Amino acid sequence: MDEDNRTDRDILAKGLKRLGICLGLMFAGPTLLHLALDNSEKPLYIPLLIIAFILCIGAILFLFLGINTILDSIFKKKK
């Protein structure tokens, strides 16, 4: 087997960590969004809504980065 075509385990671990962060954000963002939309008369409605949207966007970002990093660890050839 050629040494150039092996999976880089350090980069793979980095990608899996990013997917783990994504998983946490995937639960936290919609949960906070649901809490904010159920309590629209409370004074913390707007800040909680903004934080929830930021967490949801962060989940999408970390999902993309994690999958991209894992694919790089598998398919990129080392120089």
PDB file of N, CA and C in Angstrom:
ATOM      1  N   MET A   1       0.850  -1.187   0.000  1.00  0.00           N
ATOM      2  CA  MET A   1       0.000   0.000   0.000  1.00  0.00           C
ATOM      3  C   MET A   1       0.887   1.240   0.000  1.00  0.00           C
ATOM      4  N   ASP A   2       0.508   2.221  -0.754  1.00  0.00           N
ATOM      5  CA  ASP A   2       1.290   3.431  -0.897  1.00  0.00           C
ATOM      6  C   ASP A   2       1.090   4.339   0.325  1.00  0.00           C
ATOM      7  N   GLU A   3       2.160   4.931   0.800  1.00  0.00           N
ATOM      8  CA  GLU A   3       2.118   5.783   1.991  1.00  0.00           C
ATOM      9  C   GLU A   3       1.371   7.089   1.728  1.00  0.00           C
ATOM     10  N   ASP A   4       1.311   7.535   0.477  1.00  0.00           N
ATOM     11  CA  ASP A   4       0.664   8.805   0.155  1.00  0.00           C
ATOM     12  C   ASP A   4      -0.855   8.742   0.263  1.00  0.00           C
ATOM     13  N   ASN A   5      -1.442   7.569   0.203  1.00  0.00           N
ATOM     14  CA  ASN A   5      -2.900   7.438   0.181  1.00  0.00           C
ATOM     15  C   ASN A   5      -3.498   7.054   1.529  1.00  0.00           C
ATOM     16  N   ARG A   6      -2.785   7.256   2.597  1.00  0.00           N
ATOM     17  CA  ARG A   6      -3.306   6.888   3.918  1.00  0.00           C
ATOM     18  C   ARG A   6      -4.071   8.053   4.540  1.00  0.00           C
ATOM     19  N   THR A   7      -4.997   7.719   5.409  1.00  0.00           N
ATOM     20  CA  THR A   7      -5.785   8.732   6.101  1.00  0.00           C
ATOM     21  C   THR A   7      -4.939   9.395   7.177  1.00  0.00           C
ATOM     22  N   ASP A   8      -4.960  10.714   7.209  1.00  0.00           N
ATOM     23  CA  ASP A   8      -4.246  11.467   8.235  1.00  0.00           C
ATOM     24  C   ASP A   8      -5.106  11.485   9.498  1.00  0.00           C
ATOM     25  N   ARG A   9      -4.672  10.761  10.507  1.00  0.00           N
ATOM     26  CA  ARG A   9      -5.497  10.588  11.719  1.00  0.00           C
ATOM     27  C   ARG A   9      -5.638  11.869  12.531  1.00  0.00           C
ATOM     28  N   ASP A  10      -4.631  12.741  12.502  1.00  0.00           N
ATOM     29  CA  ASP A  10      -4.732  14.004  13.245  1.00  0.00           C
ATOM     30  C   ASP A  10      -5.813  14.902  12.652  1.00  0.00           C
ATOM     31  N   ILE A  11      -5.837  14.985  11.337  1.00  0.00           N
ATOM     32  CA  ILE A  11      -6.855  15.807  10.677  1.00  0.00           C
ATOM     33  C   ILE A  11      -8.232  15.167  10.834  1.00  0.00           C
ATOM     34  N   LEU A  12      -8.285  13.839  10.805  1.00  0.00           N
ATOM     35  CA  LEU A  12      -9.554  13.140  11.020  1.00  0.00           C
ATOM     36  C   LEU A  12     -10.100  13.420  12.417  1.00  0.00           C
ATOM     37  N   ALA A  13      -9.229  13.405  13.420  1.00  0.00           N
ATOM     38  CA  ALA A  13      -9.663  13.704  14.789  1.00  0.00           C
ATOM     39  C   ALA A  13     -10.159  15.142  14.907  1.00  0.00           C
ATOM     40  N   LYS A  14      -9.502  16.058  14.214  1.00  0.00           N
ATOM     41  CA  LYS A  14      -9.936  17.459  14.216  1.00  0.00           C
ATOM     42  C   LYS A  14     -11.333  17.590  13.605  1.00  0.00           C
ATOM     43  N   GLY A  15     -11.580  16.852  12.516  1.00  0.00           N
ATOM     44  CA  GLY A  15     -12.896  16.872  11.882  1.00  0.00           C
ATOM     45  C   GLY A  15     -13.973  16.280  12.771  1.00  0.00           C
ATOM     46  N   LEU A  16     -13.635  15.209  13.481  1.00  0.00           N
ATOM     47  CA  LEU A  16     -14.613  14.595  14.394  1.00  0.00           C
ATOM     48  C   LEU A  16     -14.920  15.507  15.578  1.00  0.00           C
ATOM     49  N   LYS A  17     -13.922  16.261  16.043  1.00  0.00           N
ATOM     50  CA  LYS A  17     -14.172  17.235  17.117  1.00  0.00           C
ATOM     51  C   LYS A  17     -15.131  18.319  16.634  1.00  0.00           C
ATOM     52  N   ARG A  18     -14.931  18.763  15.399  1.00  0.00           N
ATOM     53  CA  ARG A  18     -15.833  19.780  14.846  1.00  0.00           C
ATOM     54  C   ARG A  18     -17.251  19.245  14.716  1.00  0.00           C
ATOM     55  N   LEU A  19     -17.395  17.985  14.337  1.00  0.00           N
ATOM     56  CA  LEU A  19     -18.730  17.390  14.254  1.00  0.00           C
ATOM     57  C   LEU A  19     -19.350  17.227  15.646  1.00  0.00           C
ATOM     58  N   GLY A  20     -18.514  16.975  16.664  1.00  0.00           N
ATOM     59  CA  GLY A  20     -19.019  16.913  18.035  1.00  0.00           C
ATOM     60  C   GLY A  20     -19.541  18.259  18.501  1.00  0.00           C
ATOM     61  N   ILE A  21     -18.817  19.324  18.164  1.00  0.00           N
ATOM     62  CA  ILE A  21     -19.282  20.678  18.487  1.00  0.00           C
ATOM     63  C   ILE A  21     -20.585  20.963  17.753  1.00  0.00           C
ATOM     64  N   CYS A  22     -20.652  20.539  16.501  1.00  0.00           N
ATOM     65  CA  CYS A  22     -21.873  20.712  15.704  1.00  0.00           C
ATOM     66  C   CYS A  22     -23.057  20.013  16.361  1.00  0.00           C
ATOM     67  N   LEU A  23     -22.830  18.817  16.866  1.00  0.00           N
ATOM     68  CA  LEU A  23     -23.912  18.070  17.514  1.00  0.00           C
ATOM     69  C   LEU A  23     -24.449  18.820  18.731  1.00  0.00           C
ATOM     70  N   GLY A  24     -23.554  19.374  19.528  1.00  0.00           N
ATOM     71  CA  GLY A  24     -23.990  20.169  20.677  1.00  0.00           C
ATOM     72  C   GLY A  24     -24.775  21.398  20.260  1.00  0.00           C
ATOM     73  N   LEU A  25     -24.298  22.078  19.219  1.00  0.00           N
ATOM     74  CA  LEU A  25     -24.994  23.267  18.737  1.00  0.00           C
ATOM     75  C   LEU A  25     -26.331  22.923  18.091  1.00  0.00           C
ATOM     76  N   MET A  26     -26.419  21.735  17.500  1.00  0.00           N
ATOM     77  CA  MET A  26     -27.677  21.315  16.880  1.00  0.00           C
ATOM     78  C   MET A  26     -28.776  21.097  17.915  1.00  0.00           C
ATOM     79  N   PHE A  27     -28.416  20.786  19.134  1.00  0.00           N
ATOM     80  CA  PHE A  27     -29.410  20.660  20.201  1.00  0.00           C
ATOM     81  C   PHE A  27     -29.648  21.999  20.899  1.00  0.00           C
ATOM     82  N   ALA A  28     -28.585  22.750  21.136  1.00  0.00           N
ATOM     83  CA  ALA A  28     -28.709  23.991  21.897  1.00  0.00           C
ATOM     84  C   ALA A  28     -29.451  25.081  21.117  1.00  0.00           C
ATOM     85  N   GLY A  29     -29.146  25.230  19.844  1.00  0.00           N
ATOM     86  CA  GLY A  29     -29.761  26.298  19.046  1.00  0.00           C
ATOM     87  C   GLY A  29     -31.274  26.187  18.937  1.00  0.00           C
ATOM     88  N   PRO A  30     -31.793  25.067  18.439  1.00  0.00           N
ATOM     89  CA  PRO A  30     -33.259  24.957  18.341  1.00  0.00           C
ATOM     90  C   PRO A  30     -33.960  24.949  19.701  1.00  0.00           C
ATOM     91  N   THR A  31     -33.307  24.428  20.734  1.00  0.00           N
ATOM     92  CA  THR A  31     -33.914  24.454  22.065  1.00  0.00           C
ATOM     93  C   THR A  31     -34.076  25.885  22.553  1.00  0.00           C
ATOM     94  N   LEU A  32     -33.017  26.693  22.406  1.00  0.00           N
ATOM     95  CA  LEU A  32     -33.119  28.103  22.803  1.00  0.00           C
ATOM     96  C   LEU A  32     -34.111  28.858  21.915  1.00  0.00           C
ATOM     97  N   LEU A  33     -34.165  28.509  20.648  1.00  0.00           N
ATOM     98  CA  LEU A  33     -35.119  29.149  19.751  1.00  0.00           C
ATOM     99  C   LEU A  33     -36.554  28.850  20.183  1.00  0.00           C
ATOM    100  N   HIS A  34     -36.812  27.614  20.550  1.00  0.00           N
ATOM    101  CA  HIS A  34     -38.137  27.231  21.026  1.00  0.00           C
ATOM    102  C   HIS A  34     -38.479  27.959  22.332  1.00  0.00           C
ATOM    103  N   LEU A  35     -37.512  28.040  23.242  1.00  0.00           N
ATOM    104  CA  LEU A  35     -37.751  28.760  24.492  1.00  0.00           C
ATOM    105  C   LEU A  35     -38.019  30.240  24.245  1.00  0.00           C
ATOM    106  N   ALA A  36     -37.289  30.830  23.321  1.00  0.00           N
ATOM    107  CA  ALA A  36     -37.478  32.253  23.031  1.00  0.00           C
ATOM    108  C   ALA A  36     -38.834  32.508  22.397  1.00  0.00           C
ATOM    109  N   LEU A  37     -39.246  31.656  21.466  1.00  0.00           N
ATOM    110  CA  LEU A  37     -40.515  31.887  20.779  1.00  0.00           C
ATOM    111  C   LEU A  37     -41.721  31.583  21.661  1.00  0.00           C
ATOM    112  N   ASP A  38     -41.556  30.711  22.662  1.00  0.00           N
ATOM    113  CA  ASP A  38     -42.655  30.441  23.593  1.00  0.00           C
ATOM    114  C   ASP A  38     -42.841  31.561  24.600  1.00  0.00           C
ATOM    115  N   ASN A  39     -41.805  32.329  24.879  1.00  0.00           N
ATOM    116  CA  ASN A  39     -41.866  33.384  25.892  1.00  0.00           C
ATOM    117  C   ASN A  39     -41.638  34.746  25.253  1.00  0.00           C
ATOM    118  N   SER A  40     -42.443  35.088  24.274  1.00  0.00           N
ATOM    119  CA  SER A  40     -42.219  36.339  23.541  1.00  0.00           C
ATOM    120  C   SER A  40     -42.545  37.587  24.360  1.00  0.00           C
ATOM    121  N   GLU A  41     -43.240  37.443  25.467  1.00  0.00           N
ATOM    122  CA  GLU A  41     -43.568  38.618  26.286  1.00  0.00           C
ATOM    123  C   GLU A  41     -42.516  38.904  27.363  1.00  0.00           C
ATOM    124  N   LYS A  42     -41.532  38.034  27.493  1.00  0.00           N
ATOM    125  CA  LYS A  42     -40.482  38.217  28.508  1.00  0.00           C
ATOM    126  C   LYS A  42     -39.469  39.260  28.038  1.00  0.00           C
ATOM    127  N   PRO A  43     -38.745  39.887  28.983  1.00  0.00           N
ATOM    128  CA  PRO A  43     -37.776  40.926  28.585  1.00  0.00           C
ATOM    129  C   PRO A  43     -36.536  40.384  27.865  1.00  0.00           C
ATOM    130  N   LEU A  44     -36.214  39.120  28.040  1.00  0.00           N
ATOM    131  CA  LEU A  44     -35.032  38.551  27.381  1.00  0.00           C
ATOM    132  C   LEU A  44     -35.363  37.892  26.043  1.00  0.00           C
ATOM    133  N   TYR A  45     -36.494  38.227  25.471  1.00  0.00           N
ATOM    134  CA  TYR A  45     -36.936  37.599  24.221  1.00  0.00           C
ATOM    135  C   TYR A  45     -35.957  37.875  23.076  1.00  0.00           C
ATOM    136  N   ILE A  46     -35.625  39.129  22.837  1.00  0.00           N
ATOM    137  CA  ILE A  46     -34.761  39.497  21.707  1.00  0.00           C
ATOM    138  C   ILE A  46     -33.332  38.966  21.883  1.00  0.00           C
ATOM    139  N   PRO A  47     -32.681  39.158  23.044  1.00  0.00           N
ATOM    140  CA  PRO A  47     -31.321  38.609  23.172  1.00  0.00           C
ATOM    141  C   PRO A  47     -31.277  37.081  23.048  1.00  0.00           C
ATOM    142  N   LEU A  48     -32.268  36.402  23.596  1.00  0.00           N
ATOM    143  CA  LEU A  48     -32.313  34.949  23.510  1.00  0.00           C
ATOM    144  C   LEU A  48     -32.553  34.496  22.072  1.00  0.00           C
ATOM    145  N   LEU A  49     -33.367  35.232  21.349  1.00  0.00           N
ATOM    146  CA  LEU A  49     -33.623  34.923  19.948  1.00  0.00           C
ATOM    147  C   LEU A  49     -32.363  35.111  19.100  1.00  0.00           C
ATOM    148  N   ILE A  50     -31.626  36.167  19.359  1.00  0.00           N
ATOM    149  CA  ILE A  50     -30.385  36.422  18.626  1.00  0.00           C
ATOM    150  C   ILE A  50     -29.360  35.329  18.917  1.00  0.00           C
ATOM    151  N   ILE A  51     -29.212  34.950  20.176  1.00  0.00           N
ATOM    152  CA  ILE A  51     -28.265  33.893  20.550  1.00  0.00           C
ATOM    153  C   ILE A  51     -28.664  32.564  19.908  1.00  0.00           C
ATOM    154  N   ALA A  52     -29.955  32.282  19.877  1.00  0.00           N
ATOM    155  CA  ALA A  52     -30.431  31.032  19.274  1.00  0.00           C
ATOM    156  C   ALA A  52     -30.116  30.989  17.780  1.00  0.00           C
ATOM    157  N   PHE A  53     -30.322  32.107  17.076  1.00  0.00           N
ATOM    158  CA  PHE A  53     -30.000  32.132  15.647  1.00  0.00           C
ATOM    159  C   PHE A  53     -28.501  31.993  15.407  1.00  0.00           C
ATOM    160  N   ILE A  54     -27.697  32.609  16.256  1.00  0.00           N
ATOM    161  CA  ILE A  54     -26.242  32.480  16.126  1.00  0.00           C
ATOM    162  C   ILE A  54     -25.809  31.031  16.342  1.00  0.00           C
ATOM    163  N   LEU A  55     -26.419  30.353  17.325  1.00  0.00           N
ATOM    164  CA  LEU A  55     -26.082  28.951  17.573  1.00  0.00           C
ATOM    165  C   LEU A  55     -26.513  28.058  16.410  1.00  0.00           C
ATOM    166  N   CYS A  56     -27.657  28.339  15.811  1.00  0.00           N
ATOM    167  CA  CYS A  56     -28.110  27.544  14.662  1.00  0.00           C
ATOM    168  C   CYS A  56     -27.188  27.741  13.459  1.00  0.00           C
ATOM    169  N   ILE A  57     -26.769  28.971  13.215  1.00  0.00           N
ATOM    170  CA  ILE A  57     -25.834  29.240  12.124  1.00  0.00           C
ATOM    171  C   ILE A  57     -24.483  28.595  12.423  1.00  0.00           C
ATOM    172  N   GLY A  58     -24.067  28.619  13.694  1.00  0.00           N
ATOM    173  CA  GLY A  58     -22.824  27.958  14.085  1.00  0.00           C
ATOM    174  C   GLY A  58     -22.874  26.459  13.869  1.00  0.00           C
ATOM    175  N   ALA A  59     -24.036  25.843  14.097  1.00  0.00           N
ATOM    176  CA  ALA A  59     -24.177  24.405  13.865  1.00  0.00           C
ATOM    177  C   ALA A  59     -23.994  24.078  12.394  1.00  0.00           C
ATOM    178  N   ILE A  60     -24.572  24.883  11.524  1.00  0.00           N
ATOM    179  CA  ILE A  60     -24.420  24.658  10.089  1.00  0.00           C
ATOM    180  C   ILE A  60     -22.972  24.849   9.671  1.00  0.00           C
ATOM    181  N   LEU A  61     -22.331  25.875  10.205  1.00  0.00           N
ATOM    182  CA  LEU A  61     -20.933  26.145   9.879  1.00  0.00           C
ATOM    183  C   LEU A  61     -20.022  25.009  10.332  1.00  0.00           C
ATOM    184  N   PHE A  62     -20.188  24.550  11.577  1.00  0.00           N
ATOM    185  CA  PHE A  62     -19.348  23.469  12.080  1.00  0.00           C
ATOM    186  C   PHE A  62     -19.628  22.149  11.361  1.00  0.00           C
ATOM    187  N   LEU A  63     -20.866  21.935  10.905  1.00  0.00           N
ATOM    188  CA  LEU A  63     -21.158  20.737  10.118  1.00  0.00           C
ATOM    189  C   LEU A  63     -20.380  20.763   8.806  1.00  0.00           C
ATOM    190  N   PHE A  64     -20.418  21.888   8.111  1.00  0.00           N
ATOM    191  CA  PHE A  64     -19.685  22.018   6.862  1.00  0.00           C
ATOM    192  C   PHE A  64     -18.183  21.861   7.091  1.00  0.00           C
ATOM    193  N   LEU A  65     -17.642  22.551   8.089  1.00  0.00           N
ATOM    194  CA  LEU A  65     -16.198  22.474   8.356  1.00  0.00           C
ATOM    195  C   LEU A  65     -15.777  21.066   8.775  1.00  0.00           C
ATOM    196  N   GLY A  66     -16.588  20.404   9.579  1.00  0.00           N
ATOM    197  CA  GLY A  66     -16.247  19.061  10.029  1.00  0.00           C
ATOM    198  C   GLY A  66     -16.228  18.055   8.894  1.00  0.00           C
ATOM    199  N   ILE A  67     -17.241  18.091   8.049  1.00  0.00           N
ATOM    200  CA  ILE A  67     -17.286  17.166   6.914  1.00  0.00           C
ATOM    201  C   ILE A  67     -16.160  17.465   5.937  1.00  0.00           C
ATOM    202  N   ASN A  68     -15.898  18.744   5.691  1.00  0.00           N
ATOM    203  CA  ASN A  68     -14.821  19.128   4.793  1.00  0.00           C
ATOM    204  C   ASN A  68     -13.464  18.673   5.334  1.00  0.00           C
ATOM    205  N   THR A  69     -13.237  18.799   6.639  1.00  0.00           N
ATOM    206  CA  THR A  69     -11.977  18.377   7.242  1.00  0.00           C
ATOM    207  C   THR A  69     -11.811  16.863   7.167  1.00  0.00           C
ATOM    208  N   ILE A  70     -12.880  16.124   7.410  1.00  0.00           N
ATOM    209  CA  ILE A  70     -12.808  14.663   7.328  1.00  0.00           C
ATOM    210  C   ILE A  70     -12.518  14.223   5.890  1.00  0.00           C
ATOM    211  N   LEU A  71     -13.158  14.854   4.927  1.00  0.00           N
ATOM    212  CA  LEU A  71     -12.899  14.508   3.533  1.00  0.00           C
ATOM    213  C   LEU A  71     -11.466  14.858   3.138  1.00  0.00           C
ATOM    214  N   ASP A  72     -10.942  15.971   3.660  1.00  0.00           N
ATOM    215  CA  ASP A  72      -9.545  16.315   3.394  1.00  0.00           C
ATOM    216  C   ASP A  72      -8.600  15.279   3.980  1.00  0.00           C
ATOM    217  N   SER A  73      -8.918  14.769   5.158  1.00  0.00           N
ATOM    218  CA  SER A  73      -8.026  13.785   5.781  1.00  0.00           C
ATOM    219  C   SER A  73      -8.018  12.470   5.012  1.00  0.00           C
ATOM    220  N   ILE A  74      -9.103  12.166   4.344  1.00  0.00           N
ATOM    221  CA  ILE A  74      -9.199  10.892   3.621  1.00  0.00           C
ATOM    222  C   ILE A  74      -8.648  11.010   2.200  1.00  0.00           C
ATOM    223  N   PHE A  75      -8.997  12.073   1.478  1.00  0.00           N
ATOM    224  CA  PHE A  75      -8.730  12.121   0.041  1.00  0.00           C
ATOM    225  C   PHE A  75      -7.556  12.975  -0.388  1.00  0.00           C
ATOM    226  N   LYS A  76      -7.081  13.901   0.455  1.00  0.00           N
ATOM    227  CA  LYS A  76      -5.964  14.752   0.038  1.00  0.00           C
ATOM    228  C   LYS A  76      -4.675  13.962   0.067  1.00  0.00           C
ATOM    229  N   LYS A  77      -3.869  14.159  -0.959  1.00  0.00           N
ATOM    230  CA  LYS A  77      -2.568  13.493  -1.008  1.00  0.00           C
ATOM    231  C   LYS A  77      -1.534  14.371  -0.336  1.00  0.00           C
ATOM    232  N   LYS A  78      -0.642  13.758   0.390  1.00  0.00           N
ATOM    233  CA  LYS A  78       0.423  14.497   1.064  1.00  0.00           C
ATOM    234  C   LYS A  78       1.541  14.794   0.074  1.00  0.00           C
ATOM    235  N   LYS A  79       2.154  15.938   0.242  1.00  0.00           N
ATOM    236  CA  LYS A  79       3.232  16.335  -0.666  1.00  0.00           C
ATOM    237  C   LYS A  79       4.580  15.876  -0.160  1.00  0.00           C
TER     238      LYS A  79
END
